[in-house]
């Protein structure tokens, strides 16, 4: 019975450690992701006449830029 509790406790510690590492990695690259997505969106919206008001096109470009920046970051981190 004691061995089972130790095994469960060990698994919980390993799981907590893995989650902490993932959170640290996410936090570390959050600013990089924001900058990359901003640059991608800026390039895609460079010739737009008016981007001061929210529009479906603006929202779509920003969403696509974030997705692309995440994909690039994942490839780099691997």
PDB file of N, CA and C in Angstrom:
ATOM      1  N   UNK A   1       0.817  -1.192   0.000  1.00  0.00           N
ATOM      2  CA  UNK A   1       0.000   0.000   0.000  1.00  0.00           C
ATOM      3  C   UNK A   1       0.859   1.254   0.000  1.00  0.00           C
ATOM      4  N   UNK A   2       1.929   1.246   0.787  1.00  0.00           N
ATOM      5  CA  UNK A   2       2.813   2.403   0.846  1.00  0.00           C
ATOM      6  C   UNK A   2       3.534   2.640  -0.472  1.00  0.00           C
ATOM      7  N   UNK A   3       3.859   1.536  -1.171  1.00  0.00           N
ATOM      8  CA  UNK A   3       4.533   1.662  -2.466  1.00  0.00           C
ATOM      9  C   UNK A   3       3.629   2.334  -3.483  1.00  0.00           C
ATOM     10  N   UNK A   4       2.345   2.008  -3.423  1.00  0.00           N
ATOM     11  CA  UNK A   4       1.382   2.596  -4.349  1.00  0.00           C
ATOM     12  C   UNK A   4       1.276   4.097  -4.116  1.00  0.00           C
ATOM     13  N   UNK A   5       1.242   4.516  -2.876  1.00  0.00           N
ATOM     14  CA  UNK A   5       1.155   5.950  -2.563  1.00  0.00           C
ATOM     15  C   UNK A   5       2.403   6.680  -3.036  1.00  0.00           C
ATOM     16  N   UNK A   6       3.559   6.050  -2.848  1.00  0.00           N
ATOM     17  CA  UNK A   6       4.815   6.669  -3.307  1.00  0.00           C
ATOM     18  C   UNK A   6       4.824   6.787  -4.832  1.00  0.00           C
ATOM     19  N   UNK A   7       4.341   5.762  -5.513  1.00  0.00           N
ATOM     20  CA  UNK A   7       4.294   5.776  -6.974  1.00  0.00           C
ATOM     21  C   UNK A   7       3.355   6.869  -7.472  1.00  0.00           C
ATOM     22  N   UNK A   8       2.212   7.001  -6.835  1.00  0.00           N
ATOM     23  CA  UNK A   8       1.256   8.041  -7.209  1.00  0.00           C
ATOM     24  C   UNK A   8       1.851   9.423  -6.943  1.00  0.00           C
ATOM     25  N   UNK A   9       2.508   9.577  -5.799  1.00  0.00           N
ATOM     26  CA  UNK A   9       3.123  10.862  -5.463  1.00  0.00           C
ATOM     27  C   UNK A   9       4.224  11.206  -6.465  1.00  0.00           C
ATOM     28  N   UNK A  10       5.002  10.210  -6.867  1.00  0.00           N
ATOM     29  CA  UNK A  10       6.076  10.421  -7.838  1.00  0.00           C
ATOM     30  C   UNK A  10       5.495  10.852  -9.199  1.00  0.00           C
ATOM     31  N   UNK A  11       4.415  10.202  -9.619  1.00  0.00           N
ATOM     32  CA  UNK A  11       3.762  10.563 -10.876  1.00  0.00           C
ATOM     33  C   UNK A  11       3.221  11.982 -10.824  1.00  0.00           C
ATOM     34  N   UNK A  12       2.639  12.365  -9.704  1.00  0.00           N
ATOM     35  CA  UNK A  12       2.114  13.723  -9.554  1.00  0.00           C
ATOM     36  C   UNK A  12       3.235  14.752  -9.615  1.00  0.00           C
ATOM     37  N   UNK A  13       4.366  14.443  -8.997  1.00  0.00           N
ATOM     38  CA  UNK A  13       5.510  15.358  -9.051  1.00  0.00           C
ATOM     39  C   UNK A  13       6.021  15.498 -10.476  1.00  0.00           C
ATOM     40  N   UNK A  14       6.122  14.383 -11.201  1.00  0.00           N
ATOM     41  CA  UNK A  14       6.580  14.431 -12.585  1.00  0.00           C
ATOM     42  C   UNK A  14       5.618  15.223 -13.459  1.00  0.00           C
ATOM     43  N   UNK A  15       4.340  15.026 -13.250  1.00  0.00           N
ATOM     44  CA  UNK A  15       3.325  15.759 -14.013  1.00  0.00           C
ATOM     45  C   UNK A  15       3.408  17.254 -13.712  1.00  0.00           C
ATOM     46  N   UNK A  16       3.574  17.612 -12.435  1.00  0.00           N
ATOM     47  CA  UNK A  16       3.688  19.016 -12.063  1.00  0.00           C
ATOM     48  C   UNK A  16       4.936  19.636 -12.673  1.00  0.00           C
ATOM     49  N   UNK A  17       6.027  18.889 -12.690  1.00  0.00           N
ATOM     50  CA  UNK A  17       7.277  19.385 -13.268  1.00  0.00           C
ATOM     51  C   UNK A  17       7.119  19.619 -14.772  1.00  0.00           C
ATOM     52  N   UNK A  18       6.466  18.704 -15.456  1.00  0.00           N
ATOM     53  CA  UNK A  18       6.236  18.842 -16.899  1.00  0.00           C
ATOM     54  C   UNK A  18       5.360  20.050 -17.190  1.00  0.00           C
ATOM     55  N   UNK A  19       4.315  20.234 -16.412  1.00  0.00           N
ATOM     56  CA  UNK A  19       3.424  21.371 -16.608  1.00  0.00           C
ATOM     57  C   UNK A  19       4.156  22.674 -16.354  1.00  0.00           C
ATOM     58  N   UNK A  20       5.023  22.700 -15.344  1.00  0.00           N
ATOM     59  CA  UNK A  20       5.798  23.899 -15.030  1.00  0.00           C
ATOM     60  C   UNK A  20       6.753  24.241 -16.175  1.00  0.00           C
ATOM     61  N   UNK A  21       7.383  23.223 -16.758  1.00  0.00           N
ATOM     62  CA  UNK A  21       8.283  23.453 -17.883  1.00  0.00           C
ATOM     63  C   UNK A  21       7.534  23.996 -19.089  1.00  0.00           C
ATOM     64  N   UNK A  22       6.347  23.470 -19.364  1.00  0.00           N
ATOM     65  CA  UNK A  22       5.531  23.958 -20.476  1.00  0.00           C
ATOM     66  C   UNK A  22       5.117  25.402 -20.247  1.00  0.00           C
ATOM     67  N   UNK A  23       4.743  25.728 -19.010  1.00  0.00           N
ATOM     68  CA  UNK A  23       4.341  27.103 -18.691  1.00  0.00           C
ATOM     69  C   UNK A  23       5.527  28.052 -18.849  1.00  0.00           C
ATOM     70  N   UNK A  24       6.687  27.628 -18.404  1.00  0.00           N
ATOM     71  CA  UNK A  24       7.879  28.453 -18.518  1.00  0.00           C
ATOM     72  C   UNK A  24       8.211  28.715 -19.992  1.00  0.00           C
ATOM     73  N   UNK A  25       8.094  27.661 -20.811  1.00  0.00           N
ATOM     74  CA  UNK A  25       8.374  27.810 -22.235  1.00  0.00           C
ATOM     75  C   UNK A  25       7.367  28.776 -22.884  1.00  0.00           C
ATOM     76  N   UNK A  26       6.099  28.631 -22.517  1.00  0.00           N
ATOM     77  CA  UNK A  26       5.065  29.499 -23.056  1.00  0.00           C
ATOM     78  C   UNK A  26       5.306  30.950 -22.647  1.00  0.00           C
ATOM     79  N   UNK A  27       5.621  31.175 -21.383  1.00  0.00           N
ATOM     80  CA  UNK A  27       5.881  32.522 -20.900  1.00  0.00           C
ATOM     81  C   UNK A  27       7.111  33.119 -21.572  1.00  0.00           C
ATOM     82  N   UNK A  28       8.125  32.299 -21.786  1.00  0.00           N
ATOM     83  CA  UNK A  28       9.370  32.777 -22.365  1.00  0.00           C
ATOM     84  C   UNK A  28       9.178  33.254 -23.796  1.00  0.00           C
ATOM     85  N   UNK A  29       8.302  32.594 -24.546  1.00  0.00           N
ATOM     86  CA  UNK A  29       8.122  32.942 -25.944  1.00  0.00           C
ATOM     87  C   UNK A  29       6.900  33.816 -26.209  1.00  0.00           C
ATOM     88  N   UNK A  30       6.175  34.216 -25.190  1.00  0.00           N
ATOM     89  CA  UNK A  30       4.966  35.021 -25.387  1.00  0.00           C
ATOM     90  C   UNK A  30       5.284  36.345 -26.064  1.00  0.00           C
ATOM     91  N   UNK A  31       6.318  37.033 -25.614  1.00  0.00           N
ATOM     92  CA  UNK A  31       6.652  38.325 -26.224  1.00  0.00           C
ATOM     93  C   UNK A  31       7.158  38.136 -27.648  1.00  0.00           C
ATOM     94  N   UNK A  32       7.879  37.057 -27.894  1.00  0.00           N
ATOM     95  CA  UNK A  32       8.354  36.757 -29.245  1.00  0.00           C
ATOM     96  C   UNK A  32       7.172  36.527 -30.173  1.00  0.00           C
ATOM     97  N   UNK A  33       6.181  35.821 -29.683  1.00  0.00           N
ATOM     98  CA  UNK A  33       4.988  35.545 -30.481  1.00  0.00           C
ATOM     99  C   UNK A  33       4.242  36.832 -30.814  1.00  0.00           C
ATOM    100  N   UNK A  34       4.114  37.716 -29.852  1.00  0.00           N
ATOM    101  CA  UNK A  34       3.425  38.989 -30.078  1.00  0.00           C
ATOM    102  C   UNK A  34       4.158  39.814 -31.130  1.00  0.00           C
ATOM    103  N   UNK A  35       5.467  39.891 -31.023  1.00  0.00           N
ATOM    104  CA  UNK A  35       6.245  40.675 -31.987  1.00  0.00           C
ATOM    105  C   UNK A  35       6.139  40.072 -33.383  1.00  0.00           C
ATOM    106  N   UNK A  36       6.291  38.753 -33.484  1.00  0.00           N
ATOM    107  CA  UNK A  36       6.213  38.102 -34.794  1.00  0.00           C
ATOM    108  C   UNK A  36       4.833  38.294 -35.417  1.00  0.00           C
ATOM    109  N   UNK A  37       3.781  38.097 -34.650  1.00  0.00           N
ATOM    110  CA  UNK A  37       2.422  38.269 -35.171  1.00  0.00           C
ATOM    111  C   UNK A  37       2.178  39.711 -35.592  1.00  0.00           C
ATOM    112  N   UNK A  38       2.713  40.656 -34.845  1.00  0.00           N
ATOM    113  CA  UNK A  38       2.552  42.070 -35.194  1.00  0.00           C
ATOM    114  C   UNK A  38       3.233  42.406 -36.515  1.00  0.00           C
ATOM    115  N   UNK A  39       4.427  41.876 -36.704  1.00  0.00           N
ATOM    116  CA  UNK A  39       5.153  42.134 -37.950  1.00  0.00           C
ATOM    117  C   UNK A  39       4.424  41.501 -39.134  1.00  0.00           C
ATOM    118  N   UNK A  40       3.967  40.269 -38.964  1.00  0.00           N
ATOM    119  CA  UNK A  40       3.235  39.600 -40.043  1.00  0.00           C
ATOM    120  C   UNK A  40       1.973  40.380 -40.398  1.00  0.00           C
ATOM    121  N   UNK A  41       1.224  40.802 -39.386  1.00  0.00           N
ATOM    122  CA  UNK A  41       0.001  41.569 -39.629  1.00  0.00           C
ATOM    123  C   UNK A  41       0.312  42.908 -40.283  1.00  0.00           C
ATOM    124  N   UNK A  42       1.383  43.557 -39.856  1.00  0.00           N
ATOM    125  CA  UNK A  42       1.748  44.849 -40.433  1.00  0.00           C
ATOM    126  C   UNK A  42       2.076  44.717 -41.916  1.00  0.00           C
ATOM    127  N   UNK A  43       2.793  43.669 -42.270  1.00  0.00           N
ATOM    128  CA  UNK A  43       3.134  43.459 -43.679  1.00  0.00           C
ATOM    129  C   UNK A  43       1.868  43.181 -44.486  1.00  0.00           C
ATOM    130  N   UNK A  44       0.986  42.371 -43.956  1.00  0.00           N
ATOM    131  CA  UNK A  44      -0.241  42.034 -44.688  1.00  0.00           C
ATOM    132  C   UNK A  44      -1.195  43.222 -44.805  1.00  0.00           C
ATOM    133  N   UNK A  45      -1.140  44.138 -43.843  1.00  0.00           N
ATOM    134  CA  UNK A  45      -2.059  45.287 -43.855  1.00  0.00           C
ATOM    135  C   UNK A  45      -1.402  46.565 -44.368  1.00  0.00           C
ATOM    136  N   UNK A  46      -0.209  46.478 -44.903  1.00  0.00           N
ATOM    137  CA  UNK A  46       0.556  47.669 -45.294  1.00  0.00           C
ATOM    138  C   UNK A  46      -0.172  48.543 -46.301  1.00  0.00           C
ATOM    139  N   UNK A  47      -0.932  47.955 -47.183  1.00  0.00           N
ATOM    140  CA  UNK A  47      -1.590  48.745 -48.232  1.00  0.00           C
ATOM    141  C   UNK A  47      -3.061  49.023 -47.958  1.00  0.00           C
ATOM    142  N   UNK A  48      -3.532  48.653 -46.807  1.00  0.00           N
ATOM    143  CA  UNK A  48      -4.924  48.941 -46.446  1.00  0.00           C
ATOM    144  C   UNK A  48      -5.082  50.446 -46.217  1.00  0.00           C
ATOM    145  N   UNK A  49      -6.195  50.966 -46.651  1.00  0.00           N
ATOM    146  CA  UNK A  49      -6.445  52.398 -46.508  1.00  0.00           C
ATOM    147  C   UNK A  49      -6.748  52.804 -45.068  1.00  0.00           C
ATOM    148  N   UNK A  50      -7.634  52.051 -44.430  1.00  0.00           N
ATOM    149  CA  UNK A  50      -8.067  52.447 -43.090  1.00  0.00           C
ATOM    150  C   UNK A  50      -8.097  51.217 -42.178  1.00  0.00           C
ATOM    151  N   UNK A  51      -7.177  51.186 -41.247  1.00  0.00           N
ATOM    152  CA  UNK A  51      -7.162  50.078 -40.282  1.00  0.00           C
ATOM    153  C   UNK A  51      -7.416  50.573 -38.859  1.00  0.00           C
ATOM    154  N   UNK A  52      -7.921  51.795 -38.757  1.00  0.00           N
ATOM    155  CA  UNK A  52      -8.158  52.355 -37.425  1.00  0.00           C
ATOM    156  C   UNK A  52      -9.424  51.789 -36.774  1.00  0.00           C
ATOM    157  N   UNK A  53     -10.367  51.317 -37.596  1.00  0.00           N
ATOM    158  CA  UNK A  53     -11.595  50.742 -37.050  1.00  0.00           C
ATOM    159  C   UNK A  53     -11.606  49.241 -37.259  1.00  0.00           C
ATOM    160  N   UNK A  54     -12.118  48.484 -36.281  1.00  0.00           N
ATOM    161  CA  UNK A  54     -12.208  47.024 -36.447  1.00  0.00           C
ATOM    162  C   UNK A  54     -13.096  46.653 -37.634  1.00  0.00           C
ATOM    163  N   UNK A  55     -12.659  45.690 -38.393  1.00  0.00           N
ATOM    164  CA  UNK A  55     -13.437  45.200 -39.523  1.00  0.00           C
ATOM    165  C   UNK A  55     -13.212  43.692 -39.621  1.00  0.00           C
ATOM    166  N   UNK A  56     -14.067  43.006 -40.361  1.00  0.00           N
ATOM    167  CA  UNK A  56     -13.859  41.560 -40.512  1.00  0.00           C
ATOM    168  C   UNK A  56     -12.500  41.235 -41.147  1.00  0.00           C
ATOM    169  N   UNK A  57     -12.066  42.027 -42.106  1.00  0.00           N
ATOM    170  CA  UNK A  57     -10.766  41.786 -42.742  1.00  0.00           C
ATOM    171  C   UNK A  57      -9.635  41.966 -41.743  1.00  0.00           C
ATOM    172  N   UNK A  58      -9.692  43.018 -40.947  1.00  0.00           N
ATOM    173  CA  UNK A  58      -8.655  43.272 -39.943  1.00  0.00           C
ATOM    174  C   UNK A  58      -8.587  42.120 -38.936  1.00  0.00           C
ATOM    175  N   UNK A  59      -9.734  41.699 -38.457  1.00  0.00           N
ATOM    176  CA  UNK A  59      -9.792  40.588 -37.503  1.00  0.00           C
ATOM    177  C   UNK A  59      -9.230  39.304 -38.120  1.00  0.00           C
ATOM    178  N   UNK A  60      -9.580  39.054 -39.366  1.00  0.00           N
ATOM    179  CA  UNK A  60      -9.100  37.860 -40.051  1.00  0.00           C
ATOM    180  C   UNK A  60      -7.586  37.881 -40.238  1.00  0.00           C
ATOM    181  N   UNK A  61      -7.048  39.022 -40.635  1.00  0.00           N
ATOM    182  CA  UNK A  61      -5.600  39.135 -40.838  1.00  0.00           C
ATOM    183  C   UNK A  61      -4.862  38.935 -39.520  1.00  0.00           C
ATOM    184  N   UNK A  62      -5.365  39.509 -38.450  1.00  0.00           N
ATOM    185  CA  UNK A  62      -4.718  39.374 -37.145  1.00  0.00           C
ATOM    186  C   UNK A  62      -4.767  37.919 -36.679  1.00  0.00           C
ATOM    187  N   UNK A  63      -5.918  37.273 -36.817  1.00  0.00           N
ATOM    188  CA  UNK A  63      -6.049  35.872 -36.421  1.00  0.00           C
ATOM    189  C   UNK A  63      -5.104  34.983 -37.225  1.00  0.00           C
ATOM    190  N   UNK A  64      -5.051  35.197 -38.530  1.00  0.00           N
ATOM    191  CA  UNK A  64      -4.147  34.416 -39.381  1.00  0.00           C
ATOM    192  C   UNK A  64      -2.686  34.674 -39.021  1.00  0.00           C
ATOM    193  N   UNK A  65      -2.361  35.913 -38.702  1.00  0.00           N
ATOM    194  CA  UNK A  65      -0.986  36.260 -38.348  1.00  0.00           C
ATOM    195  C   UNK A  65      -0.554  35.588 -37.049  1.00  0.00           C
ATOM    196  N   UNK A  66      -1.442  35.531 -36.095  1.00  0.00           N
ATOM    197  CA  UNK A  66      -1.137  34.861 -34.827  1.00  0.00           C
ATOM    198  C   UNK A  66      -0.911  33.369 -35.067  1.00  0.00           C
ATOM    199  N   UNK A  67      -1.775  32.761 -35.857  1.00  0.00           N
ATOM    200  CA  UNK A  67      -1.619  31.343 -36.169  1.00  0.00           C
ATOM    201  C   UNK A  67      -0.307  31.050 -36.886  1.00  0.00           C
ATOM    202  N   UNK A  68       0.051  31.898 -37.839  1.00  0.00           N
ATOM    203  CA  UNK A  68       1.296  31.718 -38.570  1.00  0.00           C
ATOM    204  C   UNK A  68       2.504  31.907 -37.655  1.00  0.00           C
ATOM    205  N   UNK A  69       2.443  32.912 -36.787  1.00  0.00           N
ATOM    206  CA  UNK A  69       3.543  33.144 -35.841  1.00  0.00           C
ATOM    207  C   UNK A  69       3.708  31.963 -34.891  1.00  0.00           C
ATOM    208  N   UNK A  70       2.601  31.376 -34.436  1.00  0.00           N
ATOM    209  CA  UNK A  70       2.672  30.194 -33.567  1.00  0.00           C
ATOM    210  C   UNK A  70       3.302  29.023 -34.294  1.00  0.00           C
ATOM    211  N   UNK A  71       2.907  28.833 -35.541  1.00  0.00           N
ATOM    212  CA  UNK A  71       3.442  27.731 -36.329  1.00  0.00           C
ATOM    213  C   UNK A  71       4.954  27.892 -36.531  1.00  0.00           C
ATOM    214  N   UNK A  72       5.392  29.107 -36.835  1.00  0.00           N
ATOM    215  CA  UNK A  72       6.818  29.370 -37.014  1.00  0.00           C
ATOM    216  C   UNK A  72       7.561  29.132 -35.712  1.00  0.00           C
ATOM    217  N   UNK A  73       7.028  29.625 -34.612  1.00  0.00           N
ATOM    218  CA  UNK A  73       7.677  29.462 -33.311  1.00  0.00           C
ATOM    219  C   UNK A  73       7.796  27.983 -32.928  1.00  0.00           C
ATOM    220  N   UNK A  74       6.755  27.208 -33.193  1.00  0.00           N
ATOM    221  CA  UNK A  74       6.816  25.767 -32.892  1.00  0.00           C
ATOM    222  C   UNK A  74       7.908  25.087 -33.691  1.00  0.00           C
ATOM    223  N   UNK A  75       8.047  25.454 -34.955  1.00  0.00           N
ATOM    224  CA  UNK A  75       9.107  24.864 -35.791  1.00  0.00           C
ATOM    225  C   UNK A  75      10.487  25.231 -35.267  1.00  0.00           C
ATOM    226  N   UNK A  76      10.647  26.456 -34.801  1.00  0.00           N
ATOM    227  CA  UNK A  76      11.930  26.917 -34.291  1.00  0.00           C
ATOM    228  C   UNK A  76      12.283  26.222 -32.971  1.00  0.00           C
ATOM    229  N   UNK A  77      11.312  26.079 -32.094  1.00  0.00           N
ATOM    230  CA  UNK A  77      11.540  25.513 -30.765  1.00  0.00           C
ATOM    231  C   UNK A  77      11.879  24.033 -30.841  1.00  0.00           C
ATOM    232  N   UNK A  78      11.322  23.319 -31.784  1.00  0.00           N
ATOM    233  CA  UNK A  78      11.605  21.881 -31.914  1.00  0.00           C
ATOM    234  C   UNK A  78      13.030  21.667 -32.141  1.00  0.00           C
TER     235      UNK A  78
END
